[in-house]
Amino acid sequence: MLLCMTAGSRRDGGAPGWKVRLGMADDKSKIKQDRKLVSSEETYEVAAFARKYGIPQSEAQTIIKRYGPSRKKLDNHMAARG
């Protein structure tokens, strides 16, 4: 069970409140799979990859798009690059 802050509506006079949602916040079974991939669409992931190898973000994004999202393939490419 999750509690979520809600914006007010006209029906309740515009006052914010809490709403109860059932279910999980995240699917924890997918965490391991997600860490194996790097998204070229997510700025923070591109920035982290660029920082790791000391390259500009634009170059990191190009490499991720060219070689795919697999961290293993990307790490192997960067290792071969020297």
N, C-alpha and C. Protein backbone atom coordinates (compact mmCIF):
# COMPACT_ATOMS: atom_id res chain seq x y z
N MET A 1 0.84 -1.17 0.00
CA MET A 1 0.00 0.00 0.00
C MET A 1 0.88 1.24 0.00
N LEU A 2 0.55 2.20 -0.83
CA LEU A 2 1.30 3.44 -0.94
C LEU A 2 0.42 4.61 -0.61
N LEU A 3 0.99 5.61 0.02
CA LEU A 3 0.28 6.87 0.22
C LEU A 3 0.88 7.88 -0.73
N CYS A 4 0.05 8.56 -1.49
CA CYS A 4 0.52 9.54 -2.46
C CYS A 4 -0.10 10.89 -2.16
N MET A 5 0.70 11.94 -2.22
CA MET A 5 0.19 13.29 -2.04
C MET A 5 -0.56 13.68 -3.29
N THR A 6 -1.74 14.27 -3.14
CA THR A 6 -2.52 14.68 -4.29
C THR A 6 -2.75 16.18 -4.27
N ALA A 7 -2.90 16.74 -5.43
CA ALA A 7 -3.28 18.14 -5.53
C ALA A 7 -4.77 18.24 -5.25
N GLY A 8 -5.18 19.37 -4.79
CA GLY A 8 -6.60 19.54 -4.49
C GLY A 8 -7.44 19.59 -5.74
N SER A 9 -8.72 19.34 -5.58
CA SER A 9 -9.65 19.42 -6.71
C SER A 9 -10.75 20.40 -6.36
N ARG A 10 -11.54 20.75 -7.32
CA ARG A 10 -12.65 21.68 -7.06
C ARG A 10 -13.64 21.07 -6.09
N ARG A 11 -13.81 19.78 -6.16
CA ARG A 11 -14.79 19.09 -5.33
C ARG A 11 -14.46 19.23 -3.84
N ASP A 12 -13.17 19.20 -3.48
CA ASP A 12 -12.81 19.30 -2.07
C ASP A 12 -12.29 20.68 -1.70
N GLY A 13 -12.57 21.68 -2.51
CA GLY A 13 -12.18 23.04 -2.17
C GLY A 13 -10.73 23.37 -2.50
N GLY A 14 -10.07 22.52 -3.25
CA GLY A 14 -8.70 22.79 -3.66
C GLY A 14 -7.65 22.41 -2.64
N ALA A 15 -8.04 21.75 -1.58
CA ALA A 15 -7.08 21.38 -0.53
C ALA A 15 -6.33 20.11 -0.95
N PRO A 16 -5.00 20.11 -0.77
CA PRO A 16 -4.24 18.89 -1.06
C PRO A 16 -4.58 17.80 -0.05
N GLY A 17 -4.35 16.58 -0.42
CA GLY A 17 -4.65 15.49 0.50
C GLY A 17 -3.82 14.26 0.19
N TRP A 18 -4.21 13.15 0.75
CA TRP A 18 -3.51 11.89 0.56
C TRP A 18 -4.42 10.91 -0.13
N LYS A 19 -3.85 10.11 -0.98
CA LYS A 19 -4.60 9.09 -1.70
C LYS A 19 -3.89 7.76 -1.48
N VAL A 20 -4.63 6.72 -1.24
CA VAL A 20 -4.06 5.39 -1.03
C VAL A 20 -4.04 4.66 -2.36
N ARG A 21 -2.86 4.12 -2.71
CA ARG A 21 -2.73 3.31 -3.91
C ARG A 21 -2.27 1.92 -3.51
N LEU A 22 -2.85 0.93 -4.12
CA LEU A 22 -2.42 -0.44 -3.87
C LEU A 22 -1.40 -0.83 -4.91
N GLY A 23 -0.48 -1.68 -4.54
CA GLY A 23 0.55 -2.12 -5.46
C GLY A 23 1.92 -1.66 -5.00
N MET A 24 2.92 -1.98 -5.78
CA MET A 24 4.29 -1.64 -5.42
C MET A 24 4.73 -0.39 -6.17
N ALA A 25 5.63 0.37 -5.57
CA ALA A 25 6.14 1.57 -6.21
C ALA A 25 6.94 1.22 -7.46
N ASP A 26 7.76 0.20 -7.36
CA ASP A 26 8.59 -0.25 -8.48
C ASP A 26 8.56 -1.76 -8.52
N ASP A 27 8.79 -2.30 -9.68
CA ASP A 27 8.88 -3.75 -9.82
C ASP A 27 10.31 -4.15 -9.50
N LYS A 28 10.55 -4.61 -8.29
CA LYS A 28 11.91 -4.94 -7.82
C LYS A 28 12.53 -6.09 -8.59
N SER A 29 11.73 -6.90 -9.28
CA SER A 29 12.28 -8.03 -10.03
C SER A 29 13.02 -7.56 -11.28
N LYS A 30 12.82 -6.31 -11.70
CA LYS A 30 13.45 -5.82 -12.92
C LYS A 30 14.70 -5.00 -12.65
N ILE A 31 15.07 -4.81 -11.40
CA ILE A 31 16.23 -3.98 -11.08
C ILE A 31 17.51 -4.55 -11.67
N LYS A 32 17.72 -5.84 -11.51
CA LYS A 32 18.94 -6.47 -12.01
C LYS A 32 19.04 -6.34 -13.53
N GLN A 33 17.93 -6.54 -14.22
CA GLN A 33 17.92 -6.42 -15.67
C GLN A 33 18.20 -4.98 -16.09
N ASP A 34 17.62 -4.02 -15.38
CA ASP A 34 17.77 -2.62 -15.72
C ASP A 34 19.21 -2.16 -15.55
N ARG A 35 19.92 -2.67 -14.57
CA ARG A 35 21.30 -2.26 -14.34
C ARG A 35 22.25 -2.78 -15.40
N LYS A 36 21.80 -3.74 -16.18
CA LYS A 36 22.63 -4.27 -17.26
C LYS A 36 22.57 -3.39 -18.51
N LEU A 37 21.65 -2.39 -18.49
CA LEU A 37 21.44 -1.56 -19.67
C LEU A 37 21.70 -0.09 -19.37
N VAL A 38 22.11 0.64 -20.40
CA VAL A 38 22.31 2.09 -20.32
C VAL A 38 21.38 2.71 -21.35
N SER A 39 20.54 3.64 -20.93
CA SER A 39 19.62 4.29 -21.85
C SER A 39 20.24 5.56 -22.41
N SER A 40 20.26 5.68 -23.73
CA SER A 40 20.78 6.91 -24.34
C SER A 40 19.77 8.04 -24.24
N GLU A 41 18.55 7.72 -23.82
CA GLU A 41 17.50 8.74 -23.68
C GLU A 41 17.51 9.37 -22.29
N GLU A 42 18.13 8.73 -21.32
CA GLU A 42 18.18 9.24 -19.95
C GLU A 42 19.47 10.03 -19.73
N THR A 43 19.33 11.32 -19.51
CA THR A 43 20.48 12.22 -19.37
C THR A 43 21.42 11.77 -18.26
N TYR A 44 20.85 11.35 -17.12
CA TYR A 44 21.70 10.97 -15.99
C TYR A 44 22.51 9.71 -16.28
N GLU A 45 21.97 8.80 -17.07
CA GLU A 45 22.73 7.59 -17.41
C GLU A 45 23.85 7.91 -18.39
N VAL A 46 23.58 8.77 -19.35
CA VAL A 46 24.62 9.18 -20.30
C VAL A 46 25.72 9.93 -19.55
N ALA A 47 25.33 10.81 -18.62
CA ALA A 47 26.30 11.58 -17.83
C ALA A 47 27.17 10.65 -16.99
N ALA A 48 26.57 9.64 -16.38
CA ALA A 48 27.32 8.70 -15.55
C ALA A 48 28.32 7.90 -16.40
N PHE A 49 27.89 7.48 -17.58
CA PHE A 49 28.78 6.74 -18.50
C PHE A 49 29.93 7.64 -18.93
N ALA A 50 29.62 8.89 -19.27
CA ALA A 50 30.66 9.84 -19.70
C ALA A 50 31.66 10.11 -18.58
N ARG A 51 31.17 10.28 -17.36
CA ARG A 51 32.06 10.50 -16.20
C ARG A 51 32.95 9.30 -15.95
N LYS A 52 32.38 8.11 -16.08
CA LYS A 52 33.13 6.88 -15.83
C LYS A 52 34.35 6.77 -16.73
N TYR A 53 34.20 7.21 -17.99
CA TYR A 53 35.29 7.07 -18.94
C TYR A 53 35.96 8.38 -19.31
N GLY A 54 35.55 9.47 -18.68
CA GLY A 54 36.19 10.76 -18.92
C GLY A 54 36.02 11.27 -20.34
N ILE A 55 34.83 11.10 -20.88
CA ILE A 55 34.53 11.56 -22.24
C ILE A 55 33.37 12.54 -22.19
N PRO A 56 33.21 13.37 -23.23
CA PRO A 56 32.06 14.29 -23.27
C PRO A 56 30.74 13.52 -23.37
N GLN A 57 29.66 14.13 -22.87
CA GLN A 57 28.35 13.47 -22.91
C GLN A 57 27.89 13.21 -24.33
N SER A 58 28.20 14.11 -25.26
CA SER A 58 27.78 13.91 -26.65
C SER A 58 28.43 12.65 -27.24
N GLU A 59 29.71 12.45 -26.90
CA GLU A 59 30.41 11.25 -27.38
C GLU A 59 29.84 9.99 -26.72
N ALA A 60 29.54 10.09 -25.44
CA ALA A 60 28.96 8.94 -24.72
C ALA A 60 27.62 8.56 -25.34
N GLN A 61 26.79 9.54 -25.64
CA GLN A 61 25.49 9.26 -26.24
C GLN A 61 25.64 8.60 -27.60
N THR A 62 26.59 9.06 -28.40
CA THR A 62 26.85 8.47 -29.71
C THR A 62 27.29 7.01 -29.57
N ILE A 63 28.18 6.75 -28.62
CA ILE A 63 28.68 5.38 -28.40
C ILE A 63 27.54 4.47 -27.96
N ILE A 64 26.69 4.95 -27.05
CA ILE A 64 25.57 4.13 -26.56
C ILE A 64 24.62 3.81 -27.71
N LYS A 65 24.34 4.80 -28.55
CA LYS A 65 23.44 4.55 -29.69
C LYS A 65 24.07 3.60 -30.70
N ARG A 66 25.37 3.72 -30.92
CA ARG A 66 26.05 2.89 -31.92
C ARG A 66 26.20 1.43 -31.46
N TYR A 67 26.57 1.22 -30.20
CA TYR A 67 26.87 -0.13 -29.72
C TYR A 67 25.74 -0.76 -28.92
N GLY A 68 24.67 -0.04 -28.69
CA GLY A 68 23.52 -0.58 -27.98
C GLY A 68 23.58 -0.32 -26.49
N PRO A 69 22.52 -0.68 -25.78
CA PRO A 69 22.41 -0.33 -24.36
C PRO A 69 23.11 -1.29 -23.38
N SER A 70 23.68 -2.38 -23.87
CA SER A 70 24.29 -3.36 -22.98
C SER A 70 25.55 -2.79 -22.31
N ARG A 71 25.54 -2.72 -20.98
CA ARG A 71 26.71 -2.22 -20.25
C ARG A 71 27.94 -3.06 -20.54
N LYS A 72 27.74 -4.36 -20.67
CA LYS A 72 28.86 -5.27 -20.93
C LYS A 72 29.52 -4.94 -22.27
N LYS A 73 28.72 -4.76 -23.32
CA LYS A 73 29.27 -4.41 -24.63
C LYS A 73 29.95 -3.04 -24.61
N LEU A 74 29.32 -2.09 -23.90
CA LEU A 74 29.89 -0.75 -23.83
C LEU A 74 31.22 -0.76 -23.08
N ASP A 75 31.27 -1.50 -21.97
CA ASP A 75 32.51 -1.59 -21.20
C ASP A 75 33.61 -2.26 -22.03
N ASN A 76 33.23 -3.31 -22.78
CA ASN A 76 34.22 -3.99 -23.64
C ASN A 76 34.73 -3.05 -24.73
N HIS A 77 33.82 -2.26 -25.31
CA HIS A 77 34.24 -1.30 -26.34
C HIS A 77 35.21 -0.27 -25.77
N MET A 78 34.88 0.25 -24.60
CA MET A 78 35.74 1.27 -24.00
C MET A 78 37.09 0.69 -23.57
N ALA A 79 37.11 -0.57 -23.14
CA ALA A 79 38.36 -1.21 -22.77
C ALA A 79 39.25 -1.43 -23.99
N ALA A 80 38.62 -1.80 -25.11
CA ALA A 80 39.38 -2.02 -26.34
C ALA A 80 39.90 -0.71 -26.91
N ARG A 81 39.22 0.36 -26.61
CA ARG A 81 39.63 1.68 -27.08
C ARG A 81 40.90 2.17 -26.40
N GLY A 82 41.09 1.66 -25.20
CA GLY A 82 42.33 2.00 -24.50
C GLY A 82 42.18 3.11 -23.60
